[in-house]
């Protein structure tokens, strides 16, 4: 069976990484126009780097939880699993998942705004860091900001169209194009979430509860 899985911030919340749109989420404490847009970076790159340096430190101290580990176990099984994440952390990989598609980029990667090259980033970045390829002081986090096109959309669209089962885990379904993936699939659809998402009525079936409980239980059933 071909299974396409999309994970959002909710899958990493129990590892101590903040979600975005809850009452105490990241976007309630920061002005996204200042820290998550190309325009904000152009105005004040130091502030943007400070924000992502803090997020990177938080990520590096976090540990994969039971949901990440269950999905890695599913990948090692007999099903054909495509794992796509909106998250910029690396907890899926640290849990053992492979070939993870990070549609919104990765905290542990850097991008040169001048030449477009990418590389593994050190724990902290600053506006004066030169690109190791072209030497321009134009390095930024390799994270997709608001107003930018997510990565690998052609691959994601094809996976959605070919899947036998599409599963969304821990996503608010408020950010497009990720929120519209459920409409691309011709397969059965399942939402695993703490509570109903904004697109809950687009899914065939649902299970609600903490990711560390409902994801391992679902994986056990699929692999049985």
Protein backbone atom coordinates (compact mmCIF):
# COMPACT_ATOMS: atom_id res chain seq x y z
CA UNK A 1 0.00 0.00 0.00
CA UNK A 2 1.20 3.48 -0.84
CA UNK A 3 0.83 5.76 2.17
CA UNK A 4 1.45 9.49 2.05
CA UNK A 5 1.92 11.15 5.43
CA UNK A 6 1.97 14.89 6.10
CA UNK A 7 3.11 16.02 9.53
CA UNK A 8 2.77 19.43 11.14
CA UNK A 9 3.85 21.14 14.33
CA UNK A 10 1.60 18.96 16.47
CA UNK A 11 3.80 15.92 15.93
CA UNK A 12 6.75 17.71 17.57
CA UNK A 13 4.84 19.59 20.28
CA UNK A 14 5.34 16.82 22.85
CA UNK A 15 9.08 17.04 22.21
CA UNK A 16 8.96 20.60 23.53
CA UNK A 17 8.85 22.42 20.19
CA UNK A 18 6.16 25.08 20.09
CA UNK A 19 3.19 24.96 17.76
CA UNK A 20 2.25 28.07 15.84
CA UNK A 21 -1.44 28.83 15.99
CA UNK A 22 -2.50 27.85 19.48
CA UNK A 23 -3.30 30.58 21.99
CA UNK A 24 0.30 30.50 23.21
CA UNK A 25 1.83 29.56 19.85
CA UNK A 26 4.89 31.12 18.26
CA UNK A 27 2.94 33.52 16.08
CA UNK A 28 1.16 34.99 19.10
CA UNK A 29 4.54 36.00 20.56
CA UNK A 30 6.30 37.23 17.41
CA UNK A 31 5.32 39.45 14.51
CA UNK A 32 5.58 37.04 11.60
CA UNK A 33 6.05 39.97 9.20
CA UNK A 34 9.30 40.76 10.98
CA UNK A 35 10.78 37.27 11.42
CA UNK A 36 9.23 35.08 8.72
CA UNK A 37 9.12 37.08 5.50
CA UNK A 38 11.78 38.12 2.95
CA UNK A 39 10.83 41.73 3.63
CA UNK A 40 11.42 41.32 7.37
CA UNK A 41 14.82 39.80 6.67
CA UNK A 42 15.72 42.69 4.36
CA UNK A 43 14.73 45.21 7.05
CA UNK A 44 16.51 43.59 9.97
CA UNK A 45 18.51 40.42 9.23
CA UNK A 46 20.02 40.42 12.73
CA UNK A 47 16.59 40.11 14.33
CA UNK A 48 15.62 37.26 11.99
CA UNK A 49 18.86 35.40 12.67
CA UNK A 50 18.34 35.87 16.41
CA UNK A 51 14.86 34.32 16.12
CA UNK A 52 16.08 31.30 14.13
CA UNK A 53 19.19 30.85 16.27
CA UNK A 54 16.86 30.47 19.25
CA UNK A 55 14.61 28.05 17.37
CA UNK A 56 17.64 26.05 16.23
CA UNK A 57 18.95 25.78 19.79
CA UNK A 58 15.53 24.63 20.97
CA UNK A 59 15.43 22.05 18.19
CA UNK A 60 18.91 20.70 18.93
CA UNK A 61 17.97 20.13 22.58
CA UNK A 62 14.67 18.41 21.71
CA UNK A 63 14.35 14.65 21.34
CA UNK A 64 12.14 12.59 19.01
CA UNK A 65 8.99 11.37 20.68
CA UNK A 66 6.91 8.21 20.30
CA UNK A 67 5.08 9.60 17.27
CA UNK A 68 8.31 10.25 15.35
CA UNK A 69 9.58 6.81 16.32
CA UNK A 70 6.37 5.09 15.22
CA UNK A 71 6.50 6.74 11.79
CA UNK A 72 10.12 5.65 11.37
CA UNK A 73 9.04 2.12 12.24
CA UNK A 74 6.28 2.30 9.64
CA UNK A 75 8.81 3.38 7.01
CA UNK A 76 10.92 0.32 7.78
CA UNK A 77 7.94 -1.97 7.20
CA UNK A 78 6.45 -3.35 4.03
CA UNK A 79 4.38 -0.35 2.98
CA UNK A 80 5.56 2.30 0.52
CA UNK A 81 5.61 5.39 2.75
CA UNK A 82 6.21 8.97 1.59
CA UNK A 83 6.83 11.20 4.60
CA UNK A 84 6.36 14.94 4.10
CA UNK A 85 6.64 17.47 6.88
CA UNK A 86 5.80 21.11 7.32
CA UNK A 87 8.21 21.13 10.25
CA UNK A 88 11.67 22.64 9.98
CA UNK A 89 13.08 20.47 12.79
CA UNK A 90 15.02 17.25 12.17
CA UNK A 91 13.22 15.02 14.67
CA UNK A 92 11.89 12.66 12.00
CA UNK A 93 15.43 11.98 10.82
CA UNK A 94 16.76 11.58 14.34
CA UNK A 95 14.01 9.03 15.00
CA UNK A 96 15.23 7.02 12.02
CA UNK A 97 13.05 8.20 9.14
CA UNK A 98 14.68 8.53 5.73
CA UNK A 99 14.01 10.58 2.60
CA UNK A 100 11.87 13.07 4.53
CA UNK A 101 10.55 15.86 2.32
CA UNK A 102 10.78 19.17 4.21
CA UNK A 103 8.37 21.32 2.26
CA UNK A 104 9.12 24.36 4.45
CA UNK A 105 12.89 23.89 4.66
CA UNK A 106 15.17 22.95 7.55
CA UNK A 107 16.58 24.82 10.54
CA UNK A 108 19.86 22.97 10.19
CA UNK A 109 20.44 24.21 6.66
CA UNK A 110 21.56 27.59 5.34
CA UNK A 111 20.75 29.27 2.04
CA UNK A 112 22.63 31.98 0.18
CA UNK A 113 20.22 34.65 -0.99
CA UNK A 114 22.77 35.72 -3.59
CA UNK A 115 23.77 32.48 -5.37
CA UNK A 116 21.13 30.02 -4.14
CA UNK A 117 23.56 27.44 -2.73
CA UNK A 118 22.69 25.45 0.41
CA UNK A 119 24.79 23.89 3.18
CA UNK A 120 24.64 22.62 6.76
CA UNK A 121 24.52 25.55 9.12
CA UNK A 122 26.43 26.01 12.38
CA UNK A 123 24.34 26.37 15.56
CA UNK A 124 24.29 30.16 15.20
CA UNK A 125 24.20 32.40 12.16
CA UNK A 126 24.70 36.14 11.71
CA UNK A 127 24.16 38.68 8.92
CA UNK A 128 27.92 38.89 8.31
CA UNK A 129 28.40 35.18 7.60
CA UNK A 130 29.88 34.79 4.10
CA UNK A 131 28.50 32.22 1.72
CA UNK A 132 31.09 29.41 1.43
CA UNK A 133 30.48 29.31 -2.32
CA UNK A 134 30.30 32.93 -3.50
CA UNK A 135 31.50 34.72 -0.30
CA UNK A 136 28.54 37.13 -0.35
CA UNK A 137 27.31 38.13 3.14
CA UNK A 138 23.83 36.99 2.15
CA UNK A 139 23.28 33.84 4.21
CA UNK A 140 19.82 33.15 5.59
CA UNK A 141 18.09 30.15 7.16
CA UNK A 142 16.96 27.62 4.55
CA UNK A 143 13.38 28.03 5.71
CA UNK A 144 10.41 28.83 3.50
CA UNK A 145 8.95 32.15 4.62
CA UNK A 146 5.47 33.54 4.05
CA UNK A 147 5.15 34.61 0.45
CA UNK A 148 7.65 31.99 -0.77
CA UNK A 149 6.89 28.75 -2.61
CA UNK A 150 7.29 25.55 -0.55
CA UNK A 151 9.83 23.00 -1.73
CA UNK A 152 9.16 19.87 -3.79
CA UNK A 153 5.57 20.70 -4.69
CA UNK A 154 5.72 18.64 -7.90
CA UNK A 155 6.89 15.59 -5.94
CA UNK A 156 4.25 16.18 -3.26
CA UNK A 157 1.45 16.54 -5.80
CA UNK A 158 2.43 13.31 -7.55
CA UNK A 159 2.66 11.43 -4.24
CA UNK A 160 -0.82 12.65 -3.29
CA UNK A 161 -2.28 11.52 -6.59
CA UNK A 162 -0.69 8.06 -6.37
CA UNK A 163 -1.35 7.35 -2.68
CA UNK A 164 -3.75 4.67 -1.49
CA UNK A 165 -4.01 6.44 1.87
CA UNK A 166 -3.31 10.05 2.83
CA UNK A 167 -2.72 10.77 6.52
CA UNK A 168 -2.34 14.25 8.03
CA UNK A 169 -0.81 14.30 11.50
CA UNK A 170 -0.64 17.27 13.86
CA UNK A 171 -1.35 19.98 11.32
CA UNK A 172 -3.71 22.92 11.75
CA UNK A 173 -4.61 22.83 8.02
CA UNK A 174 -4.54 26.62 7.89
CA UNK A 175 -1.43 27.15 5.76
CA UNK A 176 -1.63 26.62 2.00
CA UNK A 177 -0.60 24.82 -0.11
CA UNK A 178 -0.16 22.14 2.59
CA UNK A 179 -3.77 22.55 3.69
CA UNK A 180 -4.95 21.76 0.17
CA UNK A 181 -3.06 18.48 -0.26
CA UNK A 182 -6.06 16.49 0.95
CA UNK A 183 -7.95 17.73 -2.12
CA UNK A 184 -5.26 16.43 -4.48
CA UNK A 185 -5.55 12.83 -3.38
CA UNK A 186 -7.96 10.27 -4.80
CA UNK A 187 -7.34 7.96 -1.85
CA UNK A 188 -8.80 7.33 1.57
CA UNK A 189 -7.92 10.14 3.99
CA UNK A 190 -7.27 10.13 7.73
CA UNK A 191 -6.64 12.95 10.17
CA UNK A 192 -4.67 12.27 13.36
CA UNK A 193 -4.73 15.36 15.51
CA UNK A 194 -5.09 16.67 19.03
CA UNK A 195 -8.39 18.21 17.97
CA UNK A 196 -10.25 18.78 14.68
CA UNK A 197 -8.30 20.92 12.24
CA UNK A 198 -9.68 23.70 10.09
CA UNK A 199 -10.13 21.15 7.27
CA UNK A 200 -11.42 18.25 9.36
CA UNK A 201 -14.52 17.85 7.21
CA UNK A 202 -12.31 17.12 4.17
CA UNK A 203 -11.11 13.84 5.72
CA UNK A 204 -12.90 10.51 5.62
CA UNK A 205 -11.97 9.49 9.16
CA UNK A 206 -10.40 11.06 12.23
CA UNK A 207 -8.68 10.16 15.45
CA UNK A 208 -8.08 12.76 18.11
CA UNK A 209 -5.66 12.80 21.01
CA UNK A 210 -1.97 13.36 21.80
CA UNK A 211 0.30 12.41 18.91
CA UNK A 212 2.42 10.18 21.16
CA UNK A 213 -0.66 8.04 21.80
CA UNK A 214 -2.70 8.00 18.61
CA UNK A 215 0.15 7.76 16.08
CA UNK A 216 1.82 4.64 17.58
CA UNK A 217 -1.62 3.02 17.96
CA UNK A 218 -2.45 3.68 14.30
CA UNK A 219 0.97 2.43 13.13
CA UNK A 220 0.49 -0.78 15.14
CA UNK A 221 -2.80 -1.37 13.34
CA UNK A 222 -1.39 -0.65 9.88
CA UNK A 223 1.55 -2.99 10.45
CA UNK A 224 -0.49 -5.80 12.00
